[in-house]
Structure formats: C-alpha cells, structure tokens
Amino acid sequence: MTRNPEKVSVLAGGSEYTEWERVAVSYAIKSATRTFQLNGTERPGQFRFPPGTPIQILANGTLVLDGYVNKYSPSGEADDHVVTISGRSRSQDFVDCAAVHDTGFFENKSPDQIAQELDLFGVGVTAEVPLEKIPYFQIYQGESAWKAIDRSLRTQAATQMGKADGSIAITNASVAQMHGGALVEGWNILRFQGDITDDRRFSEYTVKGQGRLGHGDEALRPFGLAIDAIVGRYRPKILINEGDTDKKRATSRASHEKNRAAGLSVSAQIMTQGWRDEGGKVWETNHLIFVHSPILLKLVQPMLIESVTLTQDAGQQGSLADLSLVDPRAYEGSGGGGGGSDAAWG
C-alpha cells in the first residue's frame, strides 16, 4: 500500500521552509512534550534557527507541532554542509521549570486547577477526563510544575499528554476516539513486533499511605487492595502513595496499577505507510485503532496508540508512521477483548 508523501512545512523566523532530507516528529500519551528533528543541506546562513526560535511544523496544512528550537547542529566537510535542528513543543517550559507558587500549598483543588495556577508560562493545561479534588497538596521544593502534577495524578489514573498546539491535556484512554480504518497484516503493516509479557504483573497490589484528617487506622494509615486473578502465582506488590491518602484514593491507585500492568503486558510496534488513517486524520496518541493480525501478531482487537513517530525522508520510503500500541487497559480504557486474539494475550 502506498500513499503520497506529506508536504511538510516548517514556519520559523517569519519564513516557510519545505525542502528537508529528513523530518521526524514524535509524541506519546505519557509525554507532556512533542519532539522534532529536521535534517537538511544548507547554504551558508540559509536556516536562521537559533535555539529559542518559535517553530511550527505542518503536514499538508495540519499542525503537528508548535514549539521552540532547542538545538542547532551544523556539520559537514569542505564541500558538504548539513544541519540538524531539534526541539520540543511549547509545553517544555512547564516540564522543565520549577513550580513557583506563593504558598506552595493547595487545598481542595483538582489536579487541573493546580496545574493552571502553576502555568506561569502560558502553555495551557486542560482536563479531558473528570478529576477529583485533592484535600491537601504540597509542592516539593525544587520540583518542576510537571512533576508536581504527575504526583497529583497517580491516584486518578490520568496522564499529561502534549498536544499539537503546544498545550497539555490531562487525559486517559476512557475518552479515546477510534481512528478510521484498521491495521491489517498483508495490507498496510510494513513492519511489526509484538510482546506478550508477565514480568510487570502481580497477583495483588497493596497501596499504603497516610492521611492528615480523622482518627483511627483507616484514617491515619489507609490502604487499598486490588487482585489480578489472571496471575496464577503469589506475587504481591506494595506501593507507598505520595501525599495525603485516604482509603478511596489508595484503592483507586491499586486498581490503576493492576489495570496498567495488565495493559502493558500486551504491546505491539507497527510501521505503516503515511501519516494518516483511512479517514485522512493524522495519527494521534490516545486514539484506538483496530489491529487485524491473527497470524503474525496473534492479535485481533482494538489497541491504544501510546506513542507516534512520524518520519519523512528524501529516499524511497517517503512518509511513514511508527505506532507503539498497548492494550487500552494500560491507560484506564476497556480491555481489547478481541474475539479473535490469541488467548495468550490475556
């Protein structure tokens, strides 16, 4: 199956650039930033992209990254001059920089509300899933804004995902949309690899913590328990929850850890031609795609796109998408449960 290459446009320094030897854009549901790398030959002074330059990358007019140049690397020989330009989306400041707040203390705020107060960078943080308010939350000295929010989400089964416009979405697979078409062996799967693992799975997950309010063991030393009945051996795991904890939050964390481990035990890497699905939509993380590969991957079920790398080079391969897929349970989605999937996939 072949597709026409994307027209990749790079907007930087008030100019548009379209001639590149290679372009790569990568993003993931568990990463708050998108990354890019551009490679090309350069006439001296052609690419005025010093670090810090705002940059946008578009594919046939569709925005895939809005960010900044972080690194400009010229190289070559006497008669050959090439340049590599790399960087990340606008959300990098929220990820890298210290969480600054007048008190460092939040009371009865949800993670997205906390994030919005910490977003002194104008990145834009929104919640795509319902989030519970946290009775008490304290920033650790020196931690980044992203790290603080990451801690706040551990009992809520959500993750911070970088979007094409440079903002951050707090999300999980419960709101995942379906991509058009399917990935089918013998048709549009160019390269593949699958993994069926059990080393991350445990028979029981216990989450312990401490609460600030109330009295008695249930208030002061709450714990939550989740059982994975698929694991046939006794394999216990104990986690200590950071921050203020009650039994409800501890139980939620235990359930999330169980589901995440089960989902990550079913994974696949698939390369396909083109940057878009059958409906013309650019491949996106936290989207589902049906995989029909009963022989090669023993897999016939919807899978969640965990990460995407879009590449285009001047060679024969053209535009390619490398998709990392997991069972949706890894991010609080419903289990794949494809009737045709091999039972070994759990």
Protein backbone atom coordinates (compact mmCIF):
# COMPACT_ATOMS: atom_id res chain seq x y z
CA MET A 1 0.00 0.00 0.00
CA THR A 2 1.44 3.39 -0.96
CA ARG A 3 0.44 6.93 -0.09
CA ASN A 4 1.52 10.28 -1.42
CA PRO A 5 4.18 11.92 0.79
CA GLU A 6 3.05 14.73 3.05
CA LYS A 7 4.10 18.27 2.22
CA VAL A 8 5.98 19.19 5.39
CA SER A 9 6.18 22.92 6.04
CA VAL A 10 8.34 24.47 8.74
CA LEU A 11 7.46 28.00 9.83
CA ALA A 12 10.27 29.78 11.66
CA GLY A 13 11.68 33.30 11.80
CA GLY A 14 8.90 34.62 9.60
CA SER A 15 9.72 32.25 6.72
CA GLU A 16 8.45 28.90 5.42
CA TYR A 17 10.86 26.04 4.66
CA THR A 18 9.81 22.91 2.78
CA GLU A 19 12.97 21.22 1.50
CA TRP A 20 14.24 18.66 4.03
CA GLU A 21 16.28 15.50 3.73
CA ARG A 22 14.51 14.04 6.76
CA VAL A 23 11.78 15.11 9.20
CA ALA A 24 10.80 13.31 12.41
CA VAL A 25 8.08 14.29 14.89
CA SER A 26 7.43 12.15 17.98
CA TYR A 27 4.77 12.26 20.70
CA ALA A 28 3.25 9.98 23.33
CA ILE A 29 0.25 9.78 25.64
CA LYS A 30 2.63 9.75 28.63
CA SER A 31 4.78 12.66 27.45
CA ALA A 32 3.80 16.29 28.01
CA THR A 33 6.06 17.46 25.18
CA ARG A 34 6.30 16.63 21.49
CA THR A 35 9.76 16.48 19.90
CA PHE A 36 11.09 17.10 16.41
CA GLN A 37 14.25 16.74 14.37
CA LEU A 38 14.92 18.29 10.97
CA ASN A 39 17.84 17.35 8.72
CA GLY A 40 18.85 19.12 5.55
CA THR A 41 21.62 20.55 3.45
CA GLU A 42 22.20 24.24 3.98
CA ARG A 43 23.56 27.13 2.03
CA PRO A 44 25.57 29.22 4.50
CA GLY A 45 23.16 31.34 6.53
CA GLN A 46 20.03 29.79 4.98
CA PHE A 47 18.45 28.47 8.19
CA ARG A 48 18.37 31.19 10.84
CA PHE A 49 17.10 28.93 13.62
CA PRO A 50 18.99 29.78 16.80
CA PRO A 51 17.88 27.99 19.98
CA GLY A 52 14.74 29.63 21.33
CA THR A 53 13.26 30.33 17.88
CA PRO A 54 9.47 29.67 17.82
CA ILE A 55 8.70 27.00 15.24
CA GLN A 56 5.64 25.32 13.79
CA ILE A 57 5.59 22.10 11.76
CA LEU A 58 2.65 21.36 9.47
CA ALA A 59 1.76 18.37 7.31
CA ASN A 60 -0.39 19.31 4.31
CA GLY A 61 -1.53 22.28 6.39
CA THR A 62 -2.30 20.26 9.55
CA LEU A 63 -0.39 21.44 12.62
CA VAL A 64 1.62 18.60 14.20
CA LEU A 65 3.91 20.63 16.50
CA ASP A 66 4.10 24.15 17.89
CA GLY A 67 7.23 24.77 19.90
CA TYR A 68 10.78 26.05 20.04
CA VAL A 69 14.16 25.16 18.62
CA ASN A 70 16.42 23.74 21.36
CA LYS A 71 19.48 22.76 19.35
CA TYR A 72 21.06 23.82 16.06
CA SER A 73 23.88 21.49 14.89
CA PRO A 74 25.74 22.27 11.65
CA SER A 75 28.27 19.73 10.38
CA GLY A 76 29.99 18.62 7.22
CA GLU A 77 33.18 18.75 5.18
CA ALA A 78 34.81 21.28 2.89
CA ASP A 79 32.27 20.68 0.11
CA ASP A 80 29.31 19.37 2.12
CA HIS A 81 27.32 21.36 4.66
CA VAL A 82 24.38 19.84 6.55
CA VAL A 83 22.38 20.95 9.56
CA THR A 84 20.30 19.17 12.21
CA ILE A 85 17.68 21.21 14.05
CA SER A 86 15.83 19.73 17.02
CA GLY A 87 13.47 20.91 19.71
CA ARG A 88 10.25 20.39 21.61
CA SER A 89 6.74 21.76 21.85
CA ARG A 90 5.79 24.87 23.85
CA SER A 91 4.94 22.73 26.87
CA GLN A 92 8.66 22.22 27.55
CA ASP A 93 8.71 25.18 29.95
CA PHE A 94 6.01 23.59 32.13
CA VAL A 95 8.00 20.34 32.10
CA ASP A 96 11.46 21.80 32.75
CA CYS A 97 10.91 24.74 35.06
CA ALA A 98 10.36 24.92 38.80
CA ALA A 99 6.84 25.03 40.19
CA VAL A 100 6.50 28.58 41.54
CA HIS A 101 3.62 29.44 43.84
CA ASP A 102 3.17 31.97 46.66
CA THR A 103 2.48 29.32 49.32
CA GLY A 104 3.21 26.02 47.57
CA PHE A 105 0.06 24.72 49.24
CA PHE A 106 -3.28 23.85 47.65
CA GLU A 107 -6.44 22.89 49.46
CA ASN A 108 -9.45 21.16 47.90
CA LYS A 109 -8.22 21.69 44.32
CA SER A 110 -8.27 19.25 41.39
CA PRO A 111 -5.02 18.49 39.51
CA ASP A 112 -6.04 20.61 36.52
CA GLN A 113 -6.84 23.55 38.79
CA ILE A 114 -3.42 23.18 40.44
CA ALA A 115 -1.76 22.94 37.01
CA GLN A 116 -3.48 26.09 35.78
CA GLU A 117 -2.21 28.02 38.82
CA LEU A 118 1.32 26.72 38.16
CA ASP A 119 1.15 27.52 34.43
CA LEU A 120 3.00 30.83 34.57
CA PHE A 121 4.31 30.04 31.07
CA GLY A 122 1.03 30.33 29.17
CA VAL A 123 1.22 26.74 27.92
CA GLY A 124 -2.44 25.91 28.58
CA VAL A 125 -3.39 22.87 30.67
CA THR A 126 -6.86 21.33 30.37
CA ALA A 127 -8.55 18.16 31.64
CA GLU A 128 -10.23 15.81 29.19
CA VAL A 129 -11.39 13.46 31.98
CA PRO A 130 -13.13 14.12 35.32
CA LEU A 131 -10.66 14.73 38.16
CA GLU A 132 -11.35 14.62 41.87
CA LYS A 133 -10.32 17.43 44.18
CA ILE A 134 -7.40 16.76 46.49
CA PRO A 135 -7.98 17.82 50.10
CA TYR A 136 -4.36 18.78 50.65
CA PHE A 137 -1.47 19.11 48.19
CA GLN A 138 2.00 20.50 48.82
CA ILE A 139 4.68 21.27 46.23
CA TYR A 140 8.10 19.82 46.94
CA GLN A 141 10.88 22.38 46.91
CA GLY A 142 12.64 22.44 43.54
CA GLU A 143 10.32 20.09 41.67
CA SER A 144 9.04 21.11 38.26
CA ALA A 145 5.44 22.04 37.58
CA TRP A 146 5.05 18.86 35.51
CA LYS A 147 6.46 16.69 38.30
CA ALA A 148 4.08 18.17 40.86
CA ILE A 149 1.07 17.46 38.64
CA ASP A 150 2.38 13.98 37.87
CA ARG A 151 2.30 13.22 41.61
CA SER A 152 -1.21 14.57 41.90
CA LEU A 153 -2.45 12.25 39.14
CA ARG A 154 -1.14 8.95 40.47
CA THR A 155 -4.36 8.11 42.30
CA GLN A 156 -6.51 9.36 39.42
CA ALA A 157 -5.29 7.15 36.57
CA ALA A 158 -4.55 10.04 34.23
CA THR A 159 -1.51 11.32 32.38
CA GLN A 160 -0.21 14.59 30.92
CA MET A 161 -0.15 14.46 27.11
CA GLY A 162 1.40 17.07 24.82
CA LYS A 163 -0.88 18.28 22.02
CA ALA A 164 -0.09 19.62 18.57
CA ASP A 165 -0.76 23.23 19.58
CA GLY A 166 1.83 23.04 22.37
CA SER A 167 -0.67 22.75 25.21
CA ILE A 168 -1.06 19.86 27.69
CA ALA A 169 -4.12 17.65 28.10
CA ILE A 170 -4.73 15.64 31.27
CA THR A 171 -6.31 12.51 29.87
CA ASN A 172 -6.59 8.73 29.72
CA ALA A 173 -8.00 6.07 27.42
CA SER A 174 -11.53 6.36 28.79
CA VAL A 175 -12.03 9.19 26.28
CA ALA A 176 -10.03 7.65 23.42
CA GLN A 177 -11.55 8.07 19.98
CA MET A 178 -11.35 5.49 17.20
CA HIS A 179 -9.10 6.03 14.20
CA GLY A 180 -10.59 5.29 10.80
CA GLY A 181 -9.72 2.02 9.08
CA ALA A 182 -7.55 -0.72 10.56
CA LEU A 183 -4.00 -2.07 10.59
CA VAL A 184 -4.14 -5.33 8.68
CA GLU A 185 -1.40 -7.86 8.05
CA GLY A 186 -0.68 -8.33 4.37
CA TRP A 187 -2.06 -4.92 3.54
CA ASN A 188 -0.78 -1.85 5.43
CA ILE A 189 1.53 -3.29 8.09
CA LEU A 190 5.05 -2.73 6.78
CA ARG A 191 6.97 -3.79 9.89
CA PHE A 192 5.87 -5.23 13.21
CA GLN A 193 6.97 -6.50 16.59
CA GLY A 194 4.84 -7.81 19.44
CA ASP A 195 5.44 -8.56 23.10
CA ILE A 196 3.47 -10.75 25.47
CA THR A 197 4.94 -10.33 28.96
CA ASP A 198 4.10 -11.16 32.55
CA ASP A 199 7.04 -9.71 34.45
CA ARG A 200 5.16 -6.48 35.28
CA ARG A 201 2.05 -8.24 36.59
CA PHE A 202 1.41 -9.17 40.21
CA SER A 203 -1.28 -11.20 41.93
CA GLU A 204 -2.13 -8.41 44.34
CA TYR A 205 -1.42 -4.69 44.61
CA THR A 206 -1.43 -3.01 48.01
CA VAL A 207 -1.17 0.78 48.26
CA LYS A 208 -0.40 2.30 51.65
CA GLY A 209 -0.25 5.91 52.75
CA GLN A 210 -1.01 8.42 55.46
CA GLY A 211 -3.92 10.74 55.97
CA ARG A 212 -3.96 14.11 57.70
CA LEU A 213 -7.56 14.10 58.90
CA GLY A 214 -9.66 11.84 61.11
CA HIS A 215 -8.50 9.26 63.61
CA GLY A 216 -8.03 5.52 63.77
CA ASP A 217 -6.08 3.23 61.48
CA GLU A 218 -8.41 3.66 58.48
CA ALA A 219 -7.94 7.43 58.57
CA LEU A 220 -4.28 7.65 59.58
CA ARG A 221 -2.91 4.52 57.89
CA PRO A 222 -5.26 3.80 54.99
CA PHE A 223 -4.55 1.14 52.39
CA GLY A 224 -6.10 -0.11 49.17
CA LEU A 225 -6.02 -3.59 47.62
CA ALA A 226 -6.56 -4.87 44.06
CA ILE A 227 -6.36 -8.51 42.92
CA ASP A 228 -5.29 -9.69 39.46
CA ALA A 229 -6.94 -13.09 39.19
CA ILE A 230 -5.14 -13.86 35.91
CA VAL A 231 -1.78 -14.16 37.72
CA GLY A 232 -1.60 -17.76 38.91
CA ARG A 233 1.26 -17.41 41.40
CA TYR A 234 1.56 -15.45 44.63
CA ARG A 235 3.24 -12.21 43.51
CA PRO A 236 2.50 -9.32 45.89
CA LYS A 237 3.42 -5.69 45.24
CA ILE A 238 3.31 -2.89 47.81
CA LEU A 239 3.39 0.80 46.88
CA ILE A 240 3.59 3.83 49.15
CA ASN A 241 1.32 6.59 47.91
CA GLU A 242 2.78 10.09 47.92
CA GLY A 243 0.86 12.85 49.61
CA ASP A 244 -2.37 12.86 51.57
CA THR A 245 -4.14 9.49 51.25
CA ASP A 246 -7.46 8.01 52.24
CA LYS A 247 -8.87 4.55 51.61
CA LYS A 248 -10.72 5.62 48.46
CA ARG A 249 -7.62 7.11 46.83
CA ALA A 250 -5.45 4.18 47.91
CA THR A 251 -7.93 1.70 46.42
CA SER A 252 -8.14 3.72 43.20
CA ARG A 253 -4.34 3.73 42.89
CA ALA A 254 -4.18 -0.04 43.47
CA SER A 255 -6.81 -0.66 40.80
CA HIS A 256 -5.00 1.61 38.35
CA GLU A 257 -1.67 -0.16 38.96
CA LYS A 258 -3.32 -3.52 38.30
CA ASN A 259 -5.01 -2.36 35.10
CA ARG A 260 -1.90 -0.59 33.85
CA ALA A 261 0.28 -3.66 34.33
CA ALA A 262 -2.27 -5.84 32.55
CA GLY A 263 -2.49 -3.41 29.64
CA LEU A 264 1.27 -3.02 29.25
CA SER A 265 1.64 -6.80 29.09
CA VAL A 266 0.08 -6.65 25.61
CA SER A 267 2.04 -4.39 23.24
CA ALA A 268 2.98 -4.09 19.61
CA GLN A 269 5.06 -1.83 17.38
CA ILE A 270 3.70 -1.32 13.88
CA MET A 271 5.06 0.74 11.00
CA THR A 272 2.64 1.80 8.30
CA GLN A 273 2.85 3.96 5.17
CA GLY A 274 1.63 7.53 5.52
CA TRP A 275 0.94 9.92 8.37
CA ARG A 276 -2.85 9.50 8.26
CA ASP A 277 -5.55 6.91 8.84
CA GLU A 278 -8.11 5.83 6.26
CA GLY A 279 -10.25 8.87 7.08
CA GLY A 280 -7.40 11.31 6.47
CA LYS A 281 -6.70 12.09 10.14
CA VAL A 282 -3.06 12.37 11.25
CA TRP A 283 -2.19 9.51 13.61
CA GLU A 284 -2.77 10.62 17.21
CA THR A 285 -1.93 9.23 20.63
CA ASN A 286 -4.77 8.25 22.98
CA HIS A 287 -6.70 7.01 19.96
CA LEU A 288 -7.77 3.45 19.24
CA ILE A 289 -7.01 1.54 16.06
CA PHE A 290 -8.26 -1.93 15.23
CA VAL A 291 -5.42 -4.37 14.58
CA HIS A 292 -6.14 -7.46 12.47
CA SER A 293 -3.07 -9.66 12.62
CA PRO A 294 -4.17 -13.15 13.64
CA ILE A 295 -1.10 -14.91 12.23
CA LEU A 296 1.84 -12.55 12.66
CA LEU A 297 0.92 -10.94 15.99
CA LYS A 298 -1.84 -13.27 17.23
CA LEU A 299 -3.82 -10.09 17.68
CA VAL A 300 -7.34 -9.14 16.57
CA GLN A 301 -8.64 -6.29 18.72
CA PRO A 302 -8.64 -2.51 19.19
CA MET A 303 -5.30 -1.25 20.52
CA LEU A 304 -4.46 2.13 22.04
CA ILE A 305 -1.82 4.27 20.35
CA GLU A 306 0.67 5.01 23.12
CA SER A 307 3.23 6.86 21.00
CA VAL A 308 3.73 8.03 17.41
CA THR A 309 6.82 8.87 15.40
CA LEU A 310 6.16 10.46 12.01
CA THR A 311 9.09 10.42 9.60
CA GLN A 312 9.68 11.54 6.05
CA ASP A 313 12.91 11.32 4.13
CA ALA A 314 14.07 12.06 0.62
CA GLY A 315 14.61 8.37 -0.12
CA GLN A 316 12.21 5.75 -1.41
CA GLN A 317 10.23 5.20 1.80
CA GLY A 318 8.55 8.60 1.87
CA SER A 319 6.14 9.31 4.73
CA LEU A 320 5.99 6.66 7.46
CA ALA A 321 4.26 6.34 10.84
CA ASP A 322 5.75 4.20 13.59
CA LEU A 323 3.00 3.39 16.11
CA SER A 324 3.54 1.96 19.58
CA LEU A 325 0.38 0.17 20.67
CA VAL A 326 -0.81 -1.20 24.02
CA ASP A 327 -3.96 -2.79 25.33
CA PRO A 328 -6.25 0.12 26.35
CA ARG A 329 -6.27 -1.09 29.98
CA ALA A 330 -2.78 0.43 30.33
CA TYR A 331 -4.42 3.86 30.43
CA GLU A 332 -7.78 3.08 32.04
CA GLY A 333 -9.53 2.06 28.84
CA SER A 334 -11.61 -1.03 28.33
CA GLY A 335 -9.68 -4.22 27.61
CA GLY A 336 -9.11 -5.04 23.97
CA GLY A 337 -11.01 -8.28 24.24
CA GLY A 338 -10.88 -9.03 20.54
CA GLY A 339 -12.67 -12.30 19.97
CA GLY A 340 -10.02 -13.39 17.50
CA SER A 341 -7.00 -12.56 19.67
CA ASP A 342 -4.88 -15.40 20.91
CA ALA A 343 -5.70 -16.36 24.50
CA ALA A 344 -2.04 -15.94 25.39
CA TRP A 345 -2.54 -12.17 25.20
CA GLY A 346 -4.64 -12.32 28.37
